[in-house]
């Protein structure tokens, strides 16, 4: 793929569409930026080469133009001195440099066109690079924002769990307290019942003793 075709592909690329389809948009945008920056380096290298060629051609054109003017002047001098054959030879030399100058001018025109295209494409590429970097900045910001929100949500969720556990523990303590009250009531009631039974048992024992004493008394009288 030629340099200009590659630049055209990059400039016409839909960054949003590429990111929407990517599994890892942050990685893709980083690779896109890297390729754009590498392309810019290549473009600058080509531009420097074209400019150097343009300067070289300018020197050659100036030299050829000087030769054209020089041979034209010599032809005129020869003709002024009635040396037609010499004037003709000078004009033949002149035509050689005229042809050379035309070729150099054609080359210079192509190089100038290439430089102009590079300037336009470089401007578009820089604009696209700025767009990509803005997208990257947005992605990084969104990622950090999402991570922060997630941490807040997780902390809030953990706080709710802790709060629920504390409430549950409080409920357990209240239930333990109620159960303790019931147990205490049952224990008190049981003690009361035991005490009452003891009184009846004592009364029955006393009654038995009294009966036995009465029997003894009867036997004594007899």
N, C-alpha and C. Protein backbone atom coordinates (compact mmCIF):
# COMPACT_ATOMS: atom_id res chain seq x y z
N UNK A 1 0.85 -1.19 0.00
CA UNK A 1 0.00 0.00 0.00
C UNK A 1 0.88 1.24 0.00
N UNK A 2 0.58 2.21 -0.89
CA UNK A 2 1.36 3.43 -0.96
C UNK A 2 1.11 4.32 0.24
N UNK A 3 2.03 5.27 0.41
CA UNK A 3 1.93 6.17 1.55
C UNK A 3 0.62 6.93 1.55
N UNK A 4 0.25 7.49 0.37
CA UNK A 4 -0.95 8.32 0.32
C UNK A 4 -2.21 7.48 0.50
N UNK A 5 -2.21 6.25 0.00
CA UNK A 5 -3.36 5.37 0.21
C UNK A 5 -3.52 5.04 1.68
N UNK A 6 -2.38 4.81 2.33
CA UNK A 6 -2.41 4.49 3.76
C UNK A 6 -2.96 5.67 4.56
N UNK A 7 -2.49 6.87 4.24
CA UNK A 7 -2.97 8.06 4.94
C UNK A 7 -4.47 8.22 4.72
N UNK A 8 -4.90 8.00 3.48
CA UNK A 8 -6.32 8.15 3.15
C UNK A 8 -7.17 7.17 3.94
N UNK A 9 -6.68 5.94 4.10
CA UNK A 9 -7.40 4.93 4.89
C UNK A 9 -7.54 5.38 6.34
N UNK A 10 -6.45 5.93 6.89
CA UNK A 10 -6.47 6.38 8.28
C UNK A 10 -7.43 7.55 8.46
N UNK A 11 -7.35 8.52 7.54
CA UNK A 11 -8.17 9.72 7.64
C UNK A 11 -9.65 9.39 7.52
N UNK A 12 -9.98 8.43 6.64
CA UNK A 12 -11.38 8.08 6.42
C UNK A 12 -11.90 7.07 7.43
N UNK A 13 -11.03 6.56 8.28
CA UNK A 13 -11.44 5.54 9.25
C UNK A 13 -12.45 6.13 10.24
N UNK A 14 -13.46 5.33 10.56
CA UNK A 14 -14.47 5.72 11.55
C UNK A 14 -14.03 5.18 12.90
N UNK A 15 -13.42 6.04 13.69
CA UNK A 15 -12.86 5.61 14.97
C UNK A 15 -13.95 5.09 15.90
N UNK A 16 -15.09 5.77 15.93
CA UNK A 16 -16.18 5.34 16.81
C UNK A 16 -16.65 3.93 16.48
N UNK A 17 -16.79 3.65 15.17
CA UNK A 17 -17.24 2.32 14.75
C UNK A 17 -16.22 1.26 15.14
N UNK A 18 -14.94 1.59 14.98
CA UNK A 18 -13.88 0.65 15.33
C UNK A 18 -13.90 0.35 16.82
N UNK A 19 -14.12 1.37 17.63
CA UNK A 19 -14.14 1.18 19.08
C UNK A 19 -15.37 0.41 19.53
N UNK A 20 -16.51 0.65 18.85
CA UNK A 20 -17.75 -0.06 19.21
C UNK A 20 -17.62 -1.56 19.00
N UNK A 21 -16.84 -1.96 17.98
CA UNK A 21 -16.68 -3.38 17.67
C UNK A 21 -15.55 -4.03 18.47
N UNK A 22 -14.73 -3.23 19.11
CA UNK A 22 -13.54 -3.76 19.78
C UNK A 22 -13.89 -4.36 21.14
N UNK A 23 -13.23 -5.48 21.46
CA UNK A 23 -13.40 -6.08 22.78
C UNK A 23 -12.67 -5.26 23.85
N UNK A 24 -11.56 -4.65 23.44
CA UNK A 24 -10.77 -3.81 24.36
C UNK A 24 -10.55 -2.46 23.69
N UNK A 25 -11.53 -1.54 23.78
CA UNK A 25 -11.43 -0.24 23.10
C UNK A 25 -10.18 0.55 23.49
N UNK A 26 -9.80 0.48 24.76
CA UNK A 26 -8.63 1.25 25.21
C UNK A 26 -7.36 0.78 24.50
N UNK A 27 -7.24 -0.53 24.31
CA UNK A 27 -6.08 -1.08 23.61
C UNK A 27 -6.11 -0.68 22.13
N UNK A 28 -7.29 -0.76 21.52
CA UNK A 28 -7.44 -0.44 20.09
C UNK A 28 -7.10 1.02 19.83
N UNK A 29 -7.59 1.93 20.66
CA UNK A 29 -7.32 3.35 20.44
C UNK A 29 -5.84 3.64 20.62
N UNK A 30 -5.19 2.91 21.53
CA UNK A 30 -3.75 3.08 21.72
C UNK A 30 -2.99 2.64 20.47
N UNK A 31 -3.42 1.53 19.86
CA UNK A 31 -2.79 1.04 18.63
C UNK A 31 -3.05 1.99 17.46
N UNK A 32 -4.26 2.55 17.41
CA UNK A 32 -4.59 3.50 16.34
C UNK A 32 -3.69 4.73 16.43
N UNK A 33 -3.55 5.25 17.63
CA UNK A 33 -2.69 6.43 17.84
C UNK A 33 -1.25 6.11 17.48
N UNK A 34 -0.79 4.92 17.87
CA UNK A 34 0.58 4.52 17.55
C UNK A 34 0.80 4.47 16.04
N UNK A 35 -0.16 3.89 15.31
CA UNK A 35 -0.02 3.81 13.85
C UNK A 35 -0.05 5.20 13.22
N UNK A 36 -0.91 6.07 13.73
CA UNK A 36 -0.97 7.43 13.20
C UNK A 36 0.35 8.17 13.41
N UNK A 37 0.91 8.03 14.60
CA UNK A 37 2.17 8.71 14.90
C UNK A 37 3.31 8.16 14.05
N UNK A 38 3.31 6.84 13.84
CA UNK A 38 4.33 6.24 12.97
C UNK A 38 4.17 6.72 11.53
N UNK A 39 2.92 6.85 11.09
CA UNK A 39 2.66 7.34 9.73
C UNK A 39 3.11 8.79 9.59
N UNK A 40 2.89 9.58 10.62
CA UNK A 40 3.33 10.98 10.59
C UNK A 40 4.85 11.08 10.46
N UNK A 41 5.56 10.19 11.16
CA UNK A 41 7.02 10.18 11.06
C UNK A 41 7.44 9.87 9.63
N UNK A 42 6.78 8.88 9.01
CA UNK A 42 7.09 8.51 7.63
C UNK A 42 6.77 9.67 6.67
N UNK A 43 5.65 10.33 6.93
CA UNK A 43 5.25 11.45 6.08
C UNK A 43 6.27 12.58 6.17
N UNK A 44 6.70 12.88 7.38
CA UNK A 44 7.71 13.94 7.55
C UNK A 44 9.02 13.56 6.85
N UNK A 45 9.37 12.28 6.91
CA UNK A 45 10.58 11.82 6.24
C UNK A 45 10.46 12.00 4.73
N UNK A 46 9.30 11.63 4.18
CA UNK A 46 9.07 11.80 2.74
C UNK A 46 9.06 13.28 2.37
N UNK A 47 8.44 14.09 3.23
CA UNK A 47 8.38 15.53 2.95
C UNK A 47 9.78 16.12 2.91
N UNK A 48 10.62 15.71 3.86
CA UNK A 48 12.00 16.21 3.89
C UNK A 48 12.75 15.79 2.63
N UNK A 49 12.51 14.55 2.17
CA UNK A 49 13.17 14.06 0.95
C UNK A 49 12.71 14.85 -0.27
N UNK A 50 11.41 15.11 -0.36
CA UNK A 50 10.88 15.88 -1.50
C UNK A 50 11.41 17.31 -1.50
N UNK A 51 11.48 17.91 -0.33
CA UNK A 51 11.97 19.29 -0.24
C UNK A 51 13.44 19.36 -0.65
N UNK A 52 14.22 18.35 -0.22
CA UNK A 52 15.64 18.30 -0.60
C UNK A 52 15.76 18.16 -2.12
N UNK A 53 14.92 17.30 -2.72
CA UNK A 53 14.95 17.13 -4.18
C UNK A 53 14.54 18.42 -4.88
N UNK A 54 13.57 19.10 -4.30
CA UNK A 54 13.10 20.36 -4.89
C UNK A 54 14.22 21.40 -4.91
N UNK A 55 14.97 21.46 -3.82
CA UNK A 55 16.08 22.43 -3.76
C UNK A 55 17.18 22.07 -4.76
N UNK A 56 17.45 20.77 -4.88
CA UNK A 56 18.46 20.32 -5.85
C UNK A 56 18.03 20.67 -7.28
N UNK A 57 16.75 20.41 -7.58
CA UNK A 57 16.22 20.73 -8.90
C UNK A 57 16.27 22.23 -9.16
N UNK A 58 16.01 23.01 -8.13
CA UNK A 58 16.04 24.47 -8.30
C UNK A 58 17.44 24.92 -8.71
N UNK A 59 18.46 24.32 -8.10
CA UNK A 59 19.84 24.68 -8.47
C UNK A 59 20.15 24.26 -9.91
N UNK A 60 19.70 23.04 -10.28
CA UNK A 60 19.93 22.55 -11.64
C UNK A 60 19.17 23.40 -12.67
N UNK A 61 17.98 23.81 -12.31
CA UNK A 61 17.18 24.65 -13.22
C UNK A 61 17.84 26.01 -13.42
N UNK A 62 18.35 26.56 -12.33
CA UNK A 62 19.02 27.85 -12.43
C UNK A 62 20.26 27.74 -13.32
N UNK A 63 20.99 26.61 -13.15
CA UNK A 63 22.19 26.38 -13.96
C UNK A 63 21.84 26.20 -15.43
N UNK A 64 20.76 25.41 -15.70
CA UNK A 64 20.34 25.17 -17.08
C UNK A 64 19.85 26.47 -17.73
N UNK A 65 19.12 27.24 -16.95
CA UNK A 65 18.61 28.51 -17.48
C UNK A 65 19.77 29.47 -17.81
N UNK A 66 20.79 29.42 -16.97
CA UNK A 66 21.98 30.25 -17.22
C UNK A 66 22.68 29.81 -18.51
N UNK A 67 22.73 28.49 -18.74
CA UNK A 67 23.33 27.97 -19.96
C UNK A 67 22.53 28.39 -21.19
N UNK A 68 21.20 28.34 -21.07
CA UNK A 68 20.34 28.75 -22.18
C UNK A 68 20.62 30.20 -22.55
N UNK A 69 20.66 31.05 -21.53
CA UNK A 69 20.92 32.47 -21.78
C UNK A 69 22.33 32.68 -22.34
N UNK A 70 23.30 31.89 -21.83
CA UNK A 70 24.68 32.03 -22.30
C UNK A 70 24.84 31.65 -23.75
N UNK A 71 24.25 30.51 -24.16
CA UNK A 71 24.36 30.08 -25.55
C UNK A 71 23.56 30.99 -26.48
N UNK A 72 22.49 31.53 -25.97
CA UNK A 72 21.73 32.50 -26.77
C UNK A 72 22.58 33.74 -27.04
N UNK A 73 23.27 34.18 -26.01
CA UNK A 73 24.14 35.35 -26.16
C UNK A 73 25.28 35.07 -27.14
N UNK A 74 25.86 33.86 -27.04
CA UNK A 74 26.95 33.50 -27.95
C UNK A 74 26.47 33.41 -29.39
N UNK A 75 25.26 32.87 -29.57
CA UNK A 75 24.71 32.78 -30.92
C UNK A 75 24.52 34.17 -31.51
N UNK A 76 24.08 35.09 -30.67
CA UNK A 76 23.87 36.46 -31.14
C UNK A 76 25.20 37.12 -31.51
N UNK A 77 26.22 36.89 -30.72
CA UNK A 77 27.54 37.46 -31.01
C UNK A 77 28.08 36.91 -32.33
N UNK A 78 27.92 35.58 -32.52
CA UNK A 78 28.40 34.96 -33.77
C UNK A 78 27.67 35.53 -34.97
N UNK A 79 26.36 35.70 -34.83
CA UNK A 79 25.58 36.24 -35.94
C UNK A 79 25.98 37.68 -36.22
N UNK A 80 26.26 38.44 -35.15
CA UNK A 80 26.68 39.83 -35.34
C UNK A 80 28.02 39.92 -36.08
N UNK A 81 28.79 38.85 -35.97
CA UNK A 81 30.09 38.81 -36.66
C UNK A 81 30.02 38.00 -37.95
N UNK A 82 28.81 37.81 -38.45
CA UNK A 82 28.59 37.11 -39.72
C UNK A 82 29.13 35.68 -39.71
N UNK A 83 29.08 35.06 -38.55
CA UNK A 83 29.52 33.66 -38.46
C UNK A 83 28.27 32.80 -38.19
N UNK A 84 27.55 32.59 -39.27
CA UNK A 84 26.25 31.91 -39.16
C UNK A 84 26.39 30.47 -38.68
N UNK A 85 27.41 29.77 -39.16
CA UNK A 85 27.58 28.37 -38.74
C UNK A 85 27.89 28.28 -37.25
N UNK A 86 28.66 29.24 -36.77
CA UNK A 86 28.97 29.26 -35.34
C UNK A 86 27.73 29.62 -34.52
N UNK A 87 26.94 30.53 -35.07
CA UNK A 87 25.70 30.91 -34.40
C UNK A 87 24.74 29.72 -34.33
N UNK A 88 24.70 28.94 -35.44
CA UNK A 88 23.83 27.76 -35.48
C UNK A 88 24.28 26.72 -34.44
N UNK A 89 25.59 26.52 -34.32
CA UNK A 89 26.12 25.57 -33.35
C UNK A 89 25.77 26.00 -31.92
N UNK A 90 25.83 27.32 -31.70
CA UNK A 90 25.48 27.84 -30.37
C UNK A 90 24.01 27.61 -30.06
N UNK A 91 23.16 27.79 -31.09
CA UNK A 91 21.73 27.57 -30.89
C UNK A 91 21.41 26.09 -30.62
N UNK A 92 22.20 25.20 -31.27
CA UNK A 92 22.00 23.76 -31.03
C UNK A 92 22.32 23.43 -29.56
N UNK A 93 23.40 24.00 -29.04
CA UNK A 93 23.75 23.79 -27.63
C UNK A 93 22.68 24.38 -26.71
N UNK A 94 22.18 25.54 -27.16
CA UNK A 94 21.12 26.17 -26.38
C UNK A 94 19.90 25.25 -26.26
N UNK A 95 19.50 24.61 -27.36
CA UNK A 95 18.33 23.74 -27.37
C UNK A 95 18.50 22.54 -26.43
N UNK A 96 19.74 22.07 -26.32
CA UNK A 96 19.99 20.97 -25.38
C UNK A 96 19.62 21.39 -23.96
N UNK A 97 20.02 22.59 -23.59
CA UNK A 97 19.74 23.07 -22.23
C UNK A 97 18.27 23.47 -22.07
N UNK A 98 17.66 23.90 -23.18
CA UNK A 98 16.22 24.20 -23.14
C UNK A 98 15.44 22.92 -22.82
N UNK A 99 15.83 21.82 -23.50
CA UNK A 99 15.17 20.53 -23.27
C UNK A 99 15.43 20.05 -21.84
N UNK A 100 16.68 20.22 -21.40
CA UNK A 100 17.02 19.81 -20.03
C UNK A 100 16.22 20.63 -19.01
N UNK A 101 16.11 21.93 -19.28
CA UNK A 101 15.36 22.81 -18.37
C UNK A 101 13.89 22.40 -18.31
N UNK A 102 13.32 22.04 -19.46
CA UNK A 102 11.92 21.62 -19.51
C UNK A 102 11.71 20.35 -18.68
N UNK A 103 12.66 19.42 -18.80
CA UNK A 103 12.58 18.17 -18.03
C UNK A 103 12.67 18.45 -16.52
N UNK A 104 13.60 19.34 -16.17
CA UNK A 104 13.76 19.69 -14.75
C UNK A 104 12.50 20.38 -14.21
N UNK A 105 11.90 21.24 -15.02
CA UNK A 105 10.69 21.94 -14.60
C UNK A 105 9.53 20.96 -14.40
N UNK A 106 9.47 19.94 -15.27
CA UNK A 106 8.41 18.93 -15.14
C UNK A 106 8.60 18.14 -13.84
N UNK A 107 9.86 17.76 -13.56
CA UNK A 107 10.14 17.05 -12.31
C UNK A 107 9.79 17.90 -11.09
N UNK A 108 10.15 19.18 -11.19
CA UNK A 108 9.89 20.09 -10.07
C UNK A 108 8.39 20.25 -9.84
N UNK A 109 7.62 20.25 -10.93
CA UNK A 109 6.17 20.38 -10.81
C UNK A 109 5.57 19.16 -10.09
N UNK A 110 6.07 17.96 -10.43
CA UNK A 110 5.59 16.74 -9.77
C UNK A 110 5.94 16.76 -8.27
N UNK A 111 7.17 17.19 -7.99
CA UNK A 111 7.59 17.23 -6.58
C UNK A 111 6.79 18.27 -5.81
N UNK A 112 6.54 19.42 -6.43
CA UNK A 112 5.75 20.46 -5.77
C UNK A 112 4.34 19.95 -5.48
N UNK A 113 3.79 19.19 -6.43
CA UNK A 113 2.45 18.61 -6.24
C UNK A 113 2.45 17.61 -5.08
N UNK A 114 3.52 16.80 -5.02
CA UNK A 114 3.63 15.82 -3.93
C UNK A 114 3.75 16.52 -2.58
N UNK A 115 4.54 17.58 -2.53
CA UNK A 115 4.72 18.32 -1.28
C UNK A 115 3.40 18.95 -0.84
N UNK A 116 2.66 19.50 -1.81
CA UNK A 116 1.37 20.11 -1.49
C UNK A 116 0.39 19.06 -0.95
N UNK A 117 0.42 17.88 -1.56
CA UNK A 117 -0.47 16.80 -1.10
C UNK A 117 -0.07 16.35 0.30
N UNK A 118 1.24 16.25 0.53
CA UNK A 118 1.72 15.86 1.86
C UNK A 118 1.27 16.87 2.90
N UNK A 119 1.34 18.14 2.57
CA UNK A 119 0.92 19.18 3.51
C UNK A 119 -0.56 19.03 3.87
N UNK A 120 -1.38 18.79 2.84
CA UNK A 120 -2.82 18.61 3.08
C UNK A 120 -3.11 17.36 3.89
N UNK A 121 -2.46 16.25 3.51
CA UNK A 121 -2.68 14.99 4.22
C UNK A 121 -2.15 15.04 5.64
N UNK A 122 -1.04 15.75 5.83
CA UNK A 122 -0.48 15.88 7.17
C UNK A 122 -1.44 16.64 8.08
N UNK A 123 -2.06 17.69 7.53
CA UNK A 123 -3.03 18.46 8.31
C UNK A 123 -4.22 17.58 8.69
N UNK A 124 -4.71 16.78 7.74
CA UNK A 124 -5.84 15.90 8.03
C UNK A 124 -5.45 14.80 9.01
N UNK A 125 -4.23 14.30 8.86
CA UNK A 125 -3.75 13.25 9.76
C UNK A 125 -3.59 13.78 11.17
N UNK A 126 -3.07 15.00 11.29
CA UNK A 126 -2.93 15.62 12.62
C UNK A 126 -4.30 15.83 13.26
N UNK A 127 -5.28 16.21 12.44
CA UNK A 127 -6.64 16.40 12.94
C UNK A 127 -7.22 15.08 13.43
N UNK A 128 -6.98 14.02 12.65
CA UNK A 128 -7.48 12.69 13.03
C UNK A 128 -6.76 12.18 14.28
N UNK A 129 -5.48 12.49 14.38
CA UNK A 129 -4.70 12.09 15.56
C UNK A 129 -5.23 12.80 16.81
N UNK A 130 -5.54 14.08 16.65
CA UNK A 130 -6.11 14.84 17.78
C UNK A 130 -7.45 14.24 18.20
N UNK A 131 -8.24 13.82 17.21
CA UNK A 131 -9.53 13.18 17.51
C UNK A 131 -9.32 11.88 18.27
N UNK A 132 -8.34 11.08 17.82
CA UNK A 132 -8.07 9.79 18.47
C UNK A 132 -7.59 10.00 19.91
N UNK A 133 -6.73 11.00 20.11
CA UNK A 133 -6.22 11.26 21.46
C UNK A 133 -7.34 11.76 22.37
N UNK A 134 -8.27 12.52 21.80
CA UNK A 134 -9.42 12.98 22.59
C UNK A 134 -10.28 11.78 22.99
N UNK A 135 -10.46 10.83 22.05
CA UNK A 135 -11.22 9.61 22.34
C UNK A 135 -10.52 8.81 23.44
N UNK A 136 -9.19 8.73 23.32
CA UNK A 136 -8.42 7.99 24.33
C UNK A 136 -8.60 8.62 25.71
N UNK A 137 -8.52 9.94 25.75
CA UNK A 137 -8.69 10.66 27.02
C UNK A 137 -10.08 10.40 27.60
N UNK A 138 -11.08 10.39 26.73
CA UNK A 138 -12.45 10.13 27.18
C UNK A 138 -12.59 8.71 27.71
N UNK A 139 -11.98 7.75 27.00
CA UNK A 139 -12.05 6.35 27.44
C UNK A 139 -11.39 6.17 28.80
N UNK A 140 -10.21 6.79 28.96
CA UNK A 140 -9.50 6.67 30.24
C UNK A 140 -10.32 7.29 31.36
N UNK A 141 -10.92 8.45 31.06
CA UNK A 141 -11.76 9.12 32.07
C UNK A 141 -12.97 8.27 32.44
N UNK A 142 -13.61 7.69 31.41
CA UNK A 142 -14.77 6.84 31.66
C UNK A 142 -14.39 5.61 32.46
N UNK A 143 -13.22 5.04 32.14
CA UNK A 143 -12.77 3.84 32.86
C UNK A 143 -12.53 4.16 34.33
N UNK A 144 -11.79 5.25 34.58
CA UNK A 144 -11.51 5.63 35.97
C UNK A 144 -12.79 5.98 36.71
N UNK A 145 -13.71 6.66 36.02
CA UNK A 145 -14.98 7.03 36.63
C UNK A 145 -15.78 5.78 36.99
N UNK A 146 -15.80 4.81 36.06
CA UNK A 146 -16.54 3.56 36.31
C UNK A 146 -15.92 2.79 37.47
N UNK A 147 -14.58 2.76 37.52
CA UNK A 147 -13.90 2.06 38.61
C UNK A 147 -14.22 2.72 39.95
N UNK A 148 -14.24 4.06 39.96
CA UNK A 148 -14.55 4.78 41.19
C UNK A 148 -15.98 4.51 41.64
N UNK A 149 -16.92 4.56 40.67
CA UNK A 149 -18.33 4.29 41.01
C UNK A 149 -18.50 2.87 41.52
N UNK A 150 -17.76 1.92 40.91
CA UNK A 150 -17.85 0.53 41.34
C UNK A 150 -17.36 0.38 42.78
N UNK A 151 -16.25 1.05 43.09
CA UNK A 151 -15.73 0.99 44.46
C UNK A 151 -16.74 1.55 45.45
N UNK A 152 -17.38 2.66 45.06
CA UNK A 152 -18.39 3.27 45.94
C UNK A 152 -19.56 2.33 46.14
N UNK A 153 -20.01 1.71 45.02
CA UNK A 153 -21.13 0.76 45.11
C UNK A 153 -20.77 -0.42 45.99
N UNK A 154 -19.55 -0.94 45.80
CA UNK A 154 -19.12 -2.08 46.60
C UNK A 154 -19.04 -1.71 48.08
N UNK A 155 -18.50 -0.52 48.36
CA UNK A 155 -18.40 -0.07 49.75
C UNK A 155 -19.78 0.10 50.35
N UNK A 156 -20.71 0.66 49.56
CA UNK A 156 -22.08 0.86 50.03
C UNK A 156 -22.75 -0.48 50.27
N UNK A 157 -22.50 -1.43 49.36
CA UNK A 157 -23.09 -2.77 49.50
C UNK A 157 -22.56 -3.45 50.76
N UNK A 158 -21.23 -3.34 50.96
CA UNK A 158 -20.64 -3.94 52.15
C UNK A 158 -21.18 -3.28 53.41
N UNK A 159 -21.39 -1.95 53.34
CA UNK A 159 -21.94 -1.24 54.49
C UNK A 159 -23.35 -1.71 54.81
N UNK A 160 -24.13 -1.95 53.75
CA UNK A 160 -25.50 -2.44 53.95
C UNK A 160 -25.49 -3.83 54.57
N UNK A 161 -24.54 -4.66 54.11
CA UNK A 161 -24.43 -6.01 54.68
C UNK A 161 -24.07 -5.93 56.16
N UNK A 162 -23.08 -5.06 56.47
CA UNK A 162 -22.68 -4.90 57.88
C UNK A 162 -23.84 -4.40 58.72
N UNK A 163 -24.60 -3.45 58.16
CA UNK A 163 -25.75 -2.90 58.88
C UNK A 163 -26.80 -3.97 59.11
N UNK A 164 -27.04 -4.79 58.08
CA UNK A 164 -28.02 -5.86 58.21
C UNK A 164 -27.58 -6.87 59.27
N UNK A 165 -26.29 -7.19 59.28
CA UNK A 165 -25.77 -8.13 60.27
C UNK A 165 -25.91 -7.57 61.68
N UNK A 166 -25.67 -6.27 61.82
CA UNK A 166 -25.81 -5.64 63.14
C UNK A 166 -27.27 -5.68 63.60
N UNK A 167 -28.18 -5.40 62.66
CA UNK A 167 -29.60 -5.45 63.02
C UNK A 167 -30.01 -6.88 63.39
N UNK A 168 -29.49 -7.85 62.63
CA UNK A 168 -29.81 -9.24 62.91
C UNK A 168 -29.29 -9.64 64.29
N UNK A 169 -28.07 -9.19 64.60
CA UNK A 169 -27.50 -9.49 65.91
C UNK A 169 -28.32 -8.85 67.02
N UNK A 170 -28.81 -7.62 66.75
CA UNK A 170 -29.66 -6.94 67.73
C UNK A 170 -30.96 -7.72 67.95
N UNK A 171 -31.54 -8.22 66.84
CA UNK A 171 -32.76 -9.02 66.95
C UNK A 171 -32.49 -10.28 67.78
N UNK A 172 -31.34 -10.92 67.53
CA UNK A 172 -31.00 -12.12 68.28
C UNK A 172 -30.88 -11.82 69.77
N UNK A 173 -30.25 -10.68 70.08
CA UNK A 173 -30.10 -10.31 71.49
C UNK A 173 -31.46 -10.06 72.14
N UNK A 174 -32.37 -9.43 71.40
CA UNK A 174 -33.72 -9.18 71.94
C UNK A 174 -34.46 -10.50 72.17
N UNK A 175 -34.30 -11.42 71.21
CA UNK A 175 -34.95 -12.73 71.37
C UNK A 175 -34.35 -13.48 72.55
N UNK A 176 -33.00 -13.41 72.67
CA UNK A 176 -32.35 -14.05 73.82
C UNK A 176 -32.89 -13.49 75.13
N UNK A 177 -33.11 -12.18 75.15
CA UNK A 177 -33.61 -11.53 76.36
C UNK A 177 -35.03 -12.01 76.68
N UNK A 178 -35.88 -12.11 75.63
CA UNK A 178 -37.25 -12.58 75.84
C UNK A 178 -37.26 -14.03 76.33
N UNK A 179 -36.41 -14.86 75.69
CA UNK A 179 -36.34 -16.26 76.10
C UNK A 179 -35.85 -16.39 77.54
N UNK A 180 -34.91 -15.51 77.91
CA UNK A 180 -34.40 -15.53 79.29
C UNK A 180 -35.51 -15.17 80.27
N UNK A 181 -36.36 -14.20 79.87
CA UNK A 181 -37.48 -13.83 80.74
C UNK A 181 -38.45 -15.00 80.93
N UNK A 182 -38.71 -15.71 79.82
CA UNK A 182 -39.60 -16.88 79.90
C UNK A 182 -39.01 -17.95 80.79
N UNK A 183 -37.69 -18.21 80.60
CA UNK A 183 -37.02 -19.22 81.42
C UNK A 183 -37.05 -18.83 82.90
N UNK A 184 -36.84 -17.55 83.15
CA UNK A 184 -36.86 -17.08 84.54
C UNK A 184 -38.24 -17.26 85.15
N UNK A 185 -39.26 -16.97 84.34
CA UNK A 185 -40.64 -17.13 84.82
C UNK A 185 -40.92 -18.59 85.14
N UNK A 186 -40.52 -19.49 84.22
CA UNK A 186 -40.74 -20.92 84.44
C UNK A 186 -39.98 -21.41 85.67
N UNK A 187 -38.76 -20.90 85.84
CA UNK A 187 -37.95 -21.31 86.98
C UNK A 187 -38.60 -20.88 88.29
N UNK A 188 -39.09 -19.63 88.30
CA UNK A 188 -39.75 -19.11 89.51
C UNK A 188 -41.01 -19.89 89.83
N UNK A 189 -41.75 -20.17 88.76
CA UNK A 189 -42.99 -20.91 88.94
C UNK A 189 -42.71 -22.31 89.46
N UNK A 190 -41.67 -22.93 88.96
CA UNK A 190 -41.29 -24.28 89.39
C UNK A 190 -40.88 -24.27 90.85
N UNK A 191 -40.14 -23.24 91.26
CA UNK A 191 -39.70 -23.14 92.66
C UNK A 191 -40.89 -22.97 93.59
N UNK A 192 -41.86 -22.15 93.12
CA UNK A 192 -43.06 -21.95 93.94
C UNK A 192 -43.82 -23.26 94.11
N UNK A 193 -43.93 -24.01 93.02
CA UNK A 193 -44.65 -25.30 93.08
C UNK A 193 -43.93 -26.26 94.00
N UNK A 194 -42.63 -26.28 93.96
CA UNK A 194 -41.83 -27.17 94.81
C UNK A 194 -42.02 -26.82 96.28
N UNK A 195 -42.05 -25.53 96.58
CA UNK A 195 -42.22 -25.08 97.97
C UNK A 195 -43.59 -25.48 98.51
N UNK A 196 -44.61 -25.33 97.69
CA UNK A 196 -45.97 -25.69 98.10
C UNK A 196 -46.08 -27.19 98.35
N UNK A 197 -45.47 -27.97 97.48
CA UNK A 197 -45.49 -29.42 97.63
C UNK A 197 -44.79 -29.83 98.92
N UNK A 198 -43.72 -29.10 99.22
CA UNK A 198 -42.98 -29.41 100.45
C UNK A 198 -43.85 -29.20 101.69
N UNK A 199 -44.68 -28.15 101.66
CA UNK A 199 -45.57 -27.88 102.79
C UNK A 199 -46.58 -29.02 102.99
N UNK A 200 -47.14 -29.45 101.83
CA UNK A 200 -48.10 -30.56 101.92
C UNK A 200 -47.43 -31.84 102.44
N UNK A 201 -46.23 -32.08 101.95
CA UNK A 201 -45.50 -33.28 102.40
C UNK A 201 -45.23 -33.21 103.90
N UNK A 202 -44.89 -32.01 104.37
CA UNK A 202 -44.63 -31.84 105.82
C UNK A 202 -45.88 -32.08 106.65
N UNK A 203 -47.02 -31.55 106.10
CA UNK A 203 -48.29 -31.74 106.80
C UNK A 203 -48.64 -33.21 106.89
N UNK A 204 -48.44 -33.92 105.77
CA UNK A 204 -48.75 -35.35 105.77
C UNK A 204 -47.84 -36.09 106.74
N UNK A 205 -46.58 -35.68 106.78
CA UNK A 205 -45.65 -36.34 107.73
C UNK A 205 -46.06 -36.09 109.17
N UNK A 206 -46.48 -34.85 109.45
CA UNK A 206 -46.93 -34.53 110.81
C UNK A 206 -48.17 -35.35 111.18
N UNK A 207 -49.06 -35.47 110.21
CA UNK A 207 -50.30 -36.23 110.46
C UNK A 207 -49.99 -37.69 110.75
N UNK A 208 -49.04 -38.23 110.01
CA UNK A 208 -48.65 -39.63 110.23
C UNK A 208 -48.06 -39.81 111.63
N UNK A 209 -47.22 -38.86 111.99
CA UNK A 209 -46.59 -38.94 113.33
C UNK A 209 -47.64 -38.85 114.42
N UNK A 210 -48.62 -37.94 114.24
CA UNK A 210 -49.67 -37.78 115.24
C UNK A 210 -50.48 -39.08 115.39
N UNK A 211 -50.75 -39.72 114.26
CA UNK A 211 -51.50 -40.98 114.31
C UNK A 211 -50.71 -42.04 115.07
N UNK A 212 -49.42 -42.09 114.78
CA UNK A 212 -48.59 -43.09 115.46
C UNK A 212 -48.52 -42.81 116.97
N UNK A 213 -48.44 -41.53 117.32
CA UNK A 213 -48.43 -41.17 118.74
C UNK A 213 -49.74 -41.58 119.43
N UNK A 214 -50.83 -41.36 118.69
CA UNK A 214 -52.14 -41.73 119.26
C UNK A 214 -52.22 -43.24 119.49
N UNK A 215 -51.70 -44.01 118.57
CA UNK A 215 -51.70 -45.46 118.72
C UNK A 215 -50.87 -45.88 119.92
N UNK A 216 -49.76 -45.21 120.11
CA UNK A 216 -48.91 -45.52 121.26
C UNK A 216 -49.62 -45.22 122.57
N UNK A 217 -50.34 -44.12 122.59
CA UNK A 217 -51.07 -43.74 123.79
C UNK A 217 -52.14 -44.77 124.13
N UNK A 218 -52.83 -45.25 123.10
CA UNK A 218 -53.87 -46.26 123.32
C UNK A 218 -53.28 -47.51 123.94
N UNK A 219 -52.18 -47.92 123.43
CA UNK A 219 -51.55 -49.14 123.93
C UNK A 219 -51.06 -48.94 125.36
N UNK A 220 -50.65 -47.74 125.69
CA UNK A 220 -50.17 -47.47 127.04
C UNK A 220 -51.30 -47.57 128.05
N UNK A 221 -52.44 -47.07 127.75
CA UNK A 221 -53.60 -47.10 128.66
C UNK A 221 -54.02 -48.53 128.92
N UNK A 222 -54.04 -49.31 127.90
CA UNK A 222 -54.45 -50.70 128.04
C UNK A 222 -53.47 -51.45 128.92
